[in-house]
Amino acid sequence: MAHAALDTYPEAPIAEAMCEMVMQFAGAGLSTVKALISDGCTEWVVGALKQYGTDPEQSDLVLVGLGALALLCEDTNVKSMVDSGVLGLLDAVTAAHTDSEAIQAEASKIRQVIEGK
């Protein structure tokens, strides 16, 4: 179930797959989010943000990715988020998208969760 969107859109642009994945679990509840985490979706979302996060032309994808990451952060071991370099990734993403208030706000919320504030 967790990778259904990726299986559904194996040849589609990454933004479509990520949007579909987020729509599938955005309102799903914690048990589904836990299933996604255990199925490696955190790594997939982080990987997508690492690949596309600093491209100014990918702001829609970045915002969706940050939304997915925020949902996953709610029930993820914070140490694993720090170990996977998410804080550095957030710095790079926000530096590349200084003109997007939405990206700045979403990244700030994620940083606060990870830093425990």
N, C-alpha and C. Protein backbone atom coordinates (compact mmCIF):
# COMPACT_ATOMS: atom_id res chain seq x y z
N MET A 1 0.82 -1.19 0.00
CA MET A 1 0.00 0.00 0.00
C MET A 1 0.86 1.25 0.00
N ALA A 2 1.93 1.24 0.75
CA ALA A 2 2.73 2.45 0.90
C ALA A 2 3.33 2.94 -0.39
N HIS A 3 3.76 2.01 -1.22
CA HIS A 3 4.38 2.43 -2.47
C HIS A 3 3.41 2.34 -3.64
N ALA A 4 2.11 2.31 -3.36
CA ALA A 4 1.12 2.17 -4.42
C ALA A 4 1.24 3.27 -5.46
N ALA A 5 1.47 4.49 -5.00
CA ALA A 5 1.58 5.60 -5.95
C ALA A 5 2.80 5.42 -6.85
N LEU A 6 3.88 4.96 -6.27
CA LEU A 6 5.09 4.77 -7.07
C LEU A 6 4.90 3.62 -8.04
N ASP A 7 4.20 2.58 -7.61
CA ASP A 7 3.92 1.46 -8.50
C ASP A 7 2.94 1.86 -9.60
N THR A 8 2.02 2.75 -9.26
CA THR A 8 1.02 3.19 -10.22
C THR A 8 1.64 4.07 -11.30
N TYR A 9 2.61 4.86 -10.91
CA TYR A 9 3.22 5.81 -11.84
C TYR A 9 4.72 5.57 -12.01
N PRO A 10 5.14 4.37 -12.39
CA PRO A 10 6.58 4.12 -12.45
C PRO A 10 7.30 4.97 -13.49
N GLU A 11 6.61 5.37 -14.55
CA GLU A 11 7.24 6.17 -15.59
C GLU A 11 6.86 7.64 -15.52
N ALA A 12 6.00 7.98 -14.58
CA ALA A 12 5.51 9.35 -14.49
C ALA A 12 6.55 10.26 -13.86
N PRO A 13 6.40 11.55 -14.09
CA PRO A 13 7.30 12.49 -13.41
C PRO A 13 7.21 12.31 -11.90
N ILE A 14 8.29 12.54 -11.24
CA ILE A 14 8.35 12.30 -9.80
C ILE A 14 7.31 13.14 -9.05
N ALA A 15 7.00 14.33 -9.55
CA ALA A 15 6.02 15.17 -8.87
C ALA A 15 4.65 14.50 -8.84
N GLU A 16 4.26 13.86 -9.95
CA GLU A 16 2.97 13.18 -9.97
C GLU A 16 2.94 12.04 -8.96
N ALA A 17 4.00 11.27 -8.92
CA ALA A 17 4.05 10.14 -7.99
C ALA A 17 4.01 10.63 -6.55
N MET A 18 4.77 11.69 -6.26
CA MET A 18 4.80 12.19 -4.90
C MET A 18 3.46 12.80 -4.52
N CYS A 19 2.84 13.54 -5.44
CA CYS A 19 1.52 14.11 -5.15
C CYS A 19 0.51 13.01 -4.86
N GLU A 20 0.54 11.97 -5.66
CA GLU A 20 -0.39 10.86 -5.46
C GLU A 20 -0.15 10.20 -4.10
N MET A 21 1.12 10.02 -3.75
CA MET A 21 1.45 9.39 -2.47
C MET A 21 0.93 10.26 -1.32
N VAL A 22 1.16 11.57 -1.40
CA VAL A 22 0.71 12.46 -0.33
C VAL A 22 -0.81 12.43 -0.23
N MET A 23 -1.49 12.46 -1.35
CA MET A 23 -2.95 12.42 -1.31
C MET A 23 -3.45 11.14 -0.67
N GLN A 24 -2.75 10.04 -0.90
CA GLN A 24 -3.19 8.77 -0.34
C GLN A 24 -3.10 8.74 1.18
N PHE A 25 -2.10 9.42 1.76
CA PHE A 25 -1.99 9.29 3.21
C PHE A 25 -2.16 10.59 3.99
N ALA A 26 -2.45 11.69 3.31
CA ALA A 26 -2.54 12.98 4.00
C ALA A 26 -3.59 12.97 5.11
N GLY A 27 -4.73 12.34 4.86
CA GLY A 27 -5.76 12.30 5.88
C GLY A 27 -5.97 10.92 6.45
N ALA A 28 -4.98 10.07 6.30
CA ALA A 28 -5.20 8.65 6.57
C ALA A 28 -5.11 8.27 8.04
N GLY A 29 -4.41 9.02 8.84
CA GLY A 29 -4.26 8.64 10.24
C GLY A 29 -2.91 8.00 10.51
N LEU A 30 -2.58 7.94 11.78
CA LEU A 30 -1.23 7.57 12.20
C LEU A 30 -0.83 6.16 11.81
N SER A 31 -1.74 5.20 11.85
CA SER A 31 -1.34 3.83 11.53
C SER A 31 -0.85 3.73 10.10
N THR A 32 -1.46 4.48 9.19
CA THR A 32 -1.02 4.47 7.80
C THR A 32 0.33 5.15 7.68
N VAL A 33 0.50 6.26 8.39
CA VAL A 33 1.79 6.95 8.35
C VAL A 33 2.89 6.04 8.88
N LYS A 34 2.60 5.29 9.96
CA LYS A 34 3.58 4.34 10.48
C LYS A 34 3.93 3.29 9.43
N ALA A 35 2.94 2.83 8.69
CA ALA A 35 3.19 1.84 7.64
C ALA A 35 4.07 2.43 6.55
N LEU A 36 3.84 3.68 6.21
CA LEU A 36 4.67 4.33 5.19
C LEU A 36 6.10 4.47 5.66
N ILE A 37 6.27 4.83 6.93
CA ILE A 37 7.61 4.97 7.47
C ILE A 37 8.34 3.63 7.43
N SER A 38 7.66 2.59 7.86
CA SER A 38 8.31 1.28 7.90
C SER A 38 8.56 0.75 6.50
N ASP A 39 7.85 1.28 5.51
CA ASP A 39 8.02 0.82 4.14
C ASP A 39 9.05 1.66 3.38
N GLY A 40 9.75 2.53 4.07
CA GLY A 40 10.84 3.27 3.45
C GLY A 40 10.45 4.55 2.75
N CYS A 41 9.24 5.04 2.99
CA CYS A 41 8.82 6.26 2.30
C CYS A 41 9.57 7.49 2.78
N THR A 42 9.99 7.51 4.03
CA THR A 42 10.77 8.65 4.51
C THR A 42 12.03 8.79 3.66
N GLU A 43 12.72 7.69 3.44
CA GLU A 43 13.94 7.73 2.64
C GLU A 43 13.64 8.16 1.21
N TRP A 44 12.51 7.72 0.68
CA TRP A 44 12.15 8.09 -0.69
C TRP A 44 11.88 9.59 -0.80
N VAL A 45 11.12 10.14 0.17
CA VAL A 45 10.81 11.57 0.15
C VAL A 45 12.08 12.38 0.33
N VAL A 46 12.93 11.99 1.28
CA VAL A 46 14.20 12.70 1.49
C VAL A 46 15.06 12.62 0.23
N GLY A 47 15.10 11.46 -0.39
CA GLY A 47 15.88 11.30 -1.62
C GLY A 47 15.38 12.19 -2.73
N ALA A 48 14.06 12.29 -2.87
CA ALA A 48 13.48 13.16 -3.90
C ALA A 48 13.81 14.62 -3.62
N LEU A 49 13.75 15.02 -2.35
CA LEU A 49 14.08 16.40 -2.01
C LEU A 49 15.57 16.68 -2.22
N LYS A 50 16.41 15.69 -1.95
CA LYS A 50 17.84 15.87 -2.20
C LYS A 50 18.09 16.05 -3.69
N GLN A 51 17.35 15.31 -4.51
CA GLN A 51 17.56 15.38 -5.96
C GLN A 51 16.99 16.66 -6.57
N TYR A 52 15.81 17.07 -6.12
CA TYR A 52 15.12 18.18 -6.78
C TYR A 52 14.96 19.43 -5.91
N GLY A 53 15.31 19.34 -4.64
CA GLY A 53 15.00 20.40 -3.69
C GLY A 53 15.64 21.74 -3.93
N THR A 54 16.78 21.77 -4.62
CA THR A 54 17.45 23.05 -4.84
C THR A 54 17.21 23.59 -6.25
N ASP A 55 16.32 22.97 -7.00
CA ASP A 55 15.99 23.44 -8.34
C ASP A 55 14.86 24.45 -8.23
N PRO A 56 15.14 25.73 -8.51
CA PRO A 56 14.10 26.76 -8.36
C PRO A 56 12.87 26.51 -9.24
N GLU A 57 13.02 25.75 -10.30
CA GLU A 57 11.88 25.47 -11.18
C GLU A 57 11.00 24.34 -10.65
N GLN A 58 11.40 23.71 -9.56
CA GLN A 58 10.65 22.59 -9.00
C GLN A 58 9.95 22.97 -7.70
N SER A 59 9.55 24.23 -7.56
CA SER A 59 8.98 24.67 -6.29
C SER A 59 7.70 23.93 -5.92
N ASP A 60 6.87 23.58 -6.91
CA ASP A 60 5.65 22.82 -6.60
C ASP A 60 5.99 21.45 -6.02
N LEU A 61 6.93 20.78 -6.65
CA LEU A 61 7.38 19.47 -6.17
C LEU A 61 7.97 19.59 -4.77
N VAL A 62 8.79 20.62 -4.56
CA VAL A 62 9.44 20.81 -3.27
C VAL A 62 8.39 21.02 -2.18
N LEU A 63 7.37 21.81 -2.47
CA LEU A 63 6.33 22.06 -1.47
C LEU A 63 5.58 20.77 -1.13
N VAL A 64 5.27 19.97 -2.14
CA VAL A 64 4.62 18.68 -1.90
C VAL A 64 5.53 17.77 -1.09
N GLY A 65 6.82 17.75 -1.45
CA GLY A 65 7.78 16.92 -0.73
C GLY A 65 7.92 17.33 0.72
N LEU A 66 7.95 18.64 0.96
CA LEU A 66 8.03 19.12 2.34
C LEU A 66 6.76 18.77 3.11
N GLY A 67 5.62 18.83 2.44
CA GLY A 67 4.37 18.43 3.09
C GLY A 67 4.39 16.97 3.48
N ALA A 68 4.90 16.14 2.58
CA ALA A 68 5.03 14.71 2.88
C ALA A 68 5.99 14.49 4.03
N LEU A 69 7.10 15.22 4.00
CA LEU A 69 8.10 15.08 5.06
C LEU A 69 7.53 15.53 6.40
N ALA A 70 6.73 16.58 6.40
CA ALA A 70 6.12 17.05 7.65
C ALA A 70 5.22 15.98 8.24
N LEU A 71 4.42 15.33 7.39
CA LEU A 71 3.56 14.25 7.88
C LEU A 71 4.39 13.10 8.45
N LEU A 72 5.44 12.75 7.74
CA LEU A 72 6.29 11.65 8.20
C LEU A 72 7.04 12.00 9.48
N CYS A 73 7.40 13.28 9.63
CA CYS A 73 8.13 13.72 10.83
C CYS A 73 7.29 13.57 12.09
N GLU A 74 5.97 13.61 11.94
CA GLU A 74 5.10 13.53 13.10
C GLU A 74 5.26 12.22 13.85
N ASP A 75 5.70 11.18 13.15
CA ASP A 75 5.80 9.88 13.81
C ASP A 75 7.09 9.15 13.43
N THR A 76 8.15 9.91 13.24
CA THR A 76 9.44 9.32 12.87
C THR A 76 10.43 9.58 13.99
N ASN A 77 11.33 8.66 14.19
CA ASN A 77 12.41 8.85 15.14
C ASN A 77 13.21 10.08 14.72
N VAL A 78 13.22 11.10 15.57
CA VAL A 78 13.88 12.35 15.22
C VAL A 78 15.37 12.13 14.98
N LYS A 79 15.99 11.24 15.74
CA LYS A 79 17.41 10.97 15.54
C LYS A 79 17.67 10.47 14.12
N SER A 80 16.78 9.65 13.60
CA SER A 80 16.98 9.16 12.24
C SER A 80 16.85 10.29 11.23
N MET A 81 16.00 11.26 11.51
CA MET A 81 15.87 12.41 10.62
C MET A 81 17.14 13.24 10.63
N VAL A 82 17.71 13.43 11.82
CA VAL A 82 18.96 14.18 11.93
C VAL A 82 20.08 13.41 11.24
N ASP A 83 20.15 12.10 11.51
CA ASP A 83 21.20 11.27 10.91
C ASP A 83 21.11 11.24 9.39
N SER A 84 19.91 11.34 8.85
CA SER A 84 19.78 11.29 7.39
C SER A 84 20.03 12.65 6.74
N GLY A 85 20.41 13.64 7.52
CA GLY A 85 20.81 14.93 6.96
C GLY A 85 19.66 15.85 6.61
N VAL A 86 18.51 15.66 7.25
CA VAL A 86 17.34 16.46 6.90
C VAL A 86 17.55 17.93 7.23
N LEU A 87 18.23 18.24 8.33
CA LEU A 87 18.43 19.65 8.67
C LEU A 87 19.27 20.36 7.62
N GLY A 88 20.34 19.72 7.17
CA GLY A 88 21.16 20.30 6.10
C GLY A 88 20.37 20.43 4.81
N LEU A 89 19.54 19.44 4.54
CA LEU A 89 18.69 19.48 3.35
C LEU A 89 17.71 20.66 3.43
N LEU A 90 17.13 20.88 4.60
CA LEU A 90 16.22 22.02 4.76
C LEU A 90 16.94 23.34 4.51
N ASP A 91 18.19 23.45 4.98
CA ASP A 91 18.98 24.66 4.72
C ASP A 91 19.16 24.89 3.23
N ALA A 92 19.51 23.83 2.51
CA ALA A 92 19.73 23.94 1.06
C ALA A 92 18.45 24.30 0.33
N VAL A 93 17.35 23.67 0.73
CA VAL A 93 16.06 23.93 0.07
C VAL A 93 15.62 25.37 0.30
N THR A 94 15.71 25.84 1.54
CA THR A 94 15.26 27.20 1.82
C THR A 94 16.15 28.23 1.15
N ALA A 95 17.44 27.95 1.03
CA ALA A 95 18.36 28.87 0.34
C ALA A 95 18.03 28.95 -1.15
N ALA A 96 17.57 27.85 -1.73
CA ALA A 96 17.26 27.83 -3.16
C ALA A 96 15.88 28.42 -3.47
N HIS A 97 15.04 28.53 -2.47
CA HIS A 97 13.66 29.00 -2.70
C HIS A 97 13.34 30.18 -1.78
N THR A 98 14.21 31.18 -1.77
CA THR A 98 14.02 32.33 -0.88
C THR A 98 12.77 33.13 -1.24
N ASP A 99 12.28 33.00 -2.47
CA ASP A 99 11.12 33.78 -2.90
C ASP A 99 9.79 33.10 -2.59
N SER A 100 9.83 31.91 -2.03
CA SER A 100 8.59 31.18 -1.74
C SER A 100 8.31 31.16 -0.24
N GLU A 101 7.33 31.95 0.17
CA GLU A 101 6.97 31.99 1.59
C GLU A 101 6.43 30.64 2.06
N ALA A 102 5.72 29.94 1.18
CA ALA A 102 5.14 28.64 1.55
C ALA A 102 6.23 27.62 1.84
N ILE A 103 7.26 27.58 1.00
CA ILE A 103 8.37 26.65 1.22
C ILE A 103 9.11 27.02 2.49
N GLN A 104 9.36 28.30 2.70
CA GLN A 104 10.05 28.75 3.90
C GLN A 104 9.28 28.35 5.16
N ALA A 105 7.96 28.54 5.13
CA ALA A 105 7.13 28.23 6.30
C ALA A 105 7.11 26.73 6.57
N GLU A 106 6.95 25.92 5.52
CA GLU A 106 6.88 24.47 5.69
C GLU A 106 8.21 23.94 6.22
N ALA A 107 9.31 24.43 5.66
CA ALA A 107 10.63 24.00 6.11
C ALA A 107 10.86 24.40 7.57
N SER A 108 10.39 25.57 7.94
CA SER A 108 10.53 26.03 9.32
C SER A 108 9.76 25.13 10.29
N LYS A 109 8.54 24.73 9.90
CA LYS A 109 7.75 23.83 10.75
C LYS A 109 8.46 22.49 10.94
N ILE A 110 9.01 21.96 9.87
CA ILE A 110 9.71 20.67 9.95
C ILE A 110 10.93 20.79 10.85
N ARG A 111 11.68 21.88 10.68
CA ARG A 111 12.87 22.10 11.51
C ARG A 111 12.48 22.15 12.99
N GLN A 112 11.39 22.82 13.32
CA GLN A 112 10.95 22.92 14.71
C GLN A 112 10.60 21.55 15.28
N VAL A 113 9.96 20.71 14.48
CA VAL A 113 9.62 19.36 14.94
C VAL A 113 10.89 18.56 15.20
N ILE A 114 11.82 18.62 14.25
CA ILE A 114 13.06 17.84 14.38
C ILE A 114 13.89 18.33 15.56
N GLU A 115 13.95 19.65 15.74
CA GLU A 115 14.75 20.21 16.83
C GLU A 115 14.00 20.18 18.16
N GLY A 116 12.76 19.74 18.15
CA GLY A 116 12.00 19.60 19.38
C GLY A 116 11.52 20.89 19.98
N LYS A 117 11.26 21.87 19.16
CA LYS A 117 10.80 23.17 19.66
C LYS A 117 9.32 23.32 19.50
